[in-house]
Protein backbone atom coordinates (compact mmCIF):
# COMPACT_ATOMS: atom_id res chain seq x y z
CA MET A 1 0.00 0.00 0.00
CA ALA A 2 1.35 3.39 -0.87
CA SER A 3 2.31 5.67 1.98
CA ASN A 4 -0.03 8.36 0.64
CA THR A 5 -2.99 5.98 0.83
CA ALA A 6 -2.21 5.05 4.43
CA ASP A 7 -2.01 8.74 5.26
CA TRP A 8 -5.72 9.02 4.48
CA ILE A 9 -6.90 5.59 5.66
CA VAL A 10 -5.77 5.93 9.27
CA PRO A 11 -7.40 9.33 9.99
CA GLY A 12 -10.56 8.27 8.14
CA LEU A 13 -10.75 5.05 10.12
CA ALA A 14 -10.08 6.98 13.33
CA PHE A 15 -12.93 9.40 12.55
CA VAL A 16 -15.40 6.59 11.93
CA ALA A 17 -14.25 4.58 14.95
CA ALA A 18 -14.43 7.60 17.26
CA ASN A 19 -18.10 8.13 16.41
CA LEU A 20 -19.24 4.51 16.70
CA PRO A 21 -19.82 4.49 20.50
CA PHE A 22 -22.29 7.35 20.11
CA LEU A 23 -24.24 5.76 17.27
CA PHE A 24 -24.97 2.33 18.75
CA GLU A 25 -26.80 1.47 21.97
CA ARG A 26 -25.29 -1.98 22.57
CA ILE A 27 -22.47 -2.27 25.09
CA LEU A 28 -19.28 -3.24 23.24
CA PHE A 29 -21.53 -3.53 20.15
CA MET A 30 -22.89 -6.88 21.40
CA ILE A 31 -24.70 -6.67 24.74
CA PRO A 32 -28.00 -4.81 25.09
CA PRO A 33 -27.98 -2.51 28.15
CA ALA A 34 -30.16 -3.49 31.10
CA HIS A 35 -31.88 -0.10 31.37
CA GLY A 36 -32.45 0.41 27.66
CA GLN A 37 -29.83 3.12 27.22
CA LYS A 38 -26.06 2.80 27.40
CA ALA A 39 -24.38 4.84 30.14
CA PHE A 40 -21.79 7.48 29.28
CA GLY A 41 -19.08 5.48 31.05
CA TRP A 42 -19.57 2.61 28.62
CA ARG A 43 -19.23 5.03 25.73
CA LEU A 44 -15.91 6.31 27.13
CA LEU A 45 -14.64 2.75 27.59
CA GLU A 46 -15.59 1.89 24.01
CA LEU A 47 -13.89 5.09 22.82
CA LEU A 48 -10.67 4.06 24.57
CA LEU A 49 -10.83 0.51 23.20
CA LEU A 50 -11.42 1.78 19.68
CA TYR A 51 -8.50 4.20 20.08
CA LEU A 52 -6.28 1.24 20.96
CA MET A 53 -7.58 -0.79 18.02
CA VAL A 54 -6.93 2.04 15.55
CA GLY A 55 -3.46 2.47 17.06
CA ILE A 56 -2.69 -1.23 16.59
CA PHE A 57 -3.93 -1.03 13.00
CA ALA A 58 -1.76 2.05 12.36
CA ALA A 59 1.28 0.32 13.86
CA ALA A 60 0.67 -2.73 11.64
CA LEU A 61 0.42 -0.45 8.60
CA GLU A 62 3.65 1.27 9.57
CA GLN A 63 5.35 -2.09 10.08
CA SER A 64 4.30 -3.29 6.63
CA ALA A 65 5.18 -0.03 4.88
CA TYR A 66 8.51 0.79 6.52
CA GLY A 67 9.66 -2.49 8.06
CA ALA A 68 9.65 -1.15 11.62
CA VAL A 69 7.43 0.69 14.05
CA TYR A 70 9.21 3.79 15.18
CA PRO A 71 9.20 4.33 18.96
CA GLN A 72 7.08 7.20 20.24
CA GLY A 73 7.05 8.98 23.57
CA TRP A 74 4.09 9.87 25.75
CA PRO A 75 3.42 13.23 24.00
CA PHE A 76 2.58 11.35 20.80
CA TYR A 77 -0.02 9.19 22.53
CA VAL A 78 -1.56 12.12 24.41
CA THR A 79 -1.82 14.10 21.18
CA THR A 80 -3.40 11.24 19.24
CA LEU A 81 -5.84 10.53 22.08
CA CYS A 82 -6.89 14.19 22.08
CA LEU A 83 -7.28 14.09 18.30
CA PHE A 84 -9.41 10.96 18.66
CA ALA A 85 -11.60 12.80 21.19
CA VAL A 86 -11.99 15.70 18.75
CA PHE A 87 -12.96 13.23 16.03
CA ALA A 88 -15.69 11.92 18.40
CA PHE A 89 -17.31 15.36 18.71
CA PRO A 90 -19.87 14.90 15.87
CA GLY A 91 -21.12 11.66 17.45
CA PHE A 92 -21.31 13.29 20.87
CA VAL A 93 -23.28 16.23 19.47
CA TYR A 94 -25.64 13.87 17.67
CA ARG A 95 -26.25 11.69 20.73
CA TYR A 96 -26.46 14.24 23.53
CA LEU A 97 -27.11 17.67 22.07
CA TRP A 98 -29.02 17.36 18.80
CA ARG A 99 -30.93 14.11 19.23
CA GLY A 100 -31.42 14.52 22.97
CA ASN A 101 -33.02 17.95 22.66
CA ARG A 102 -35.34 16.80 19.89
CA GLY A 103 -36.61 13.96 22.08
CA ARG A 104 -37.20 16.27 25.04
CA ALA A 105 -39.03 18.80 22.87
CA ALA A 106 -41.35 16.10 21.53
CA LYS A 107 -42.07 14.93 25.10
CA LYS A 108 -42.89 18.49 26.19
CA GLU A 109 -45.32 18.83 23.28
CA GLU A 110 -47.04 15.61 24.36
CA ASP A 111 -47.29 16.88 27.94
CA ILE A 112 -48.90 20.12 26.75
CA LYS A 113 -51.59 18.26 24.77
């Protein structure tokens, strides 16, 4: 795979993966939650697990492209984790700000009637 292709695949995959916990209601994408809605803590855990999975995929891509995975210090991992959190912002807005307010507004309209 060309280096230029990998330069676009990893951030694209990270963007999609960062938004997945906010789009699905199943815990770890398999287990339905007991109370019908997944807690925010589960979403954060899934976000961290997906960050690790994307990191492993990126390291495997780097290994295959360059023959070695270059060592990184803690600033690299903090920066990429923060970037992953920024990538998750559209999913967070959809789940808690946009979709949540629409549901509450519909409930208020029902209460008025």
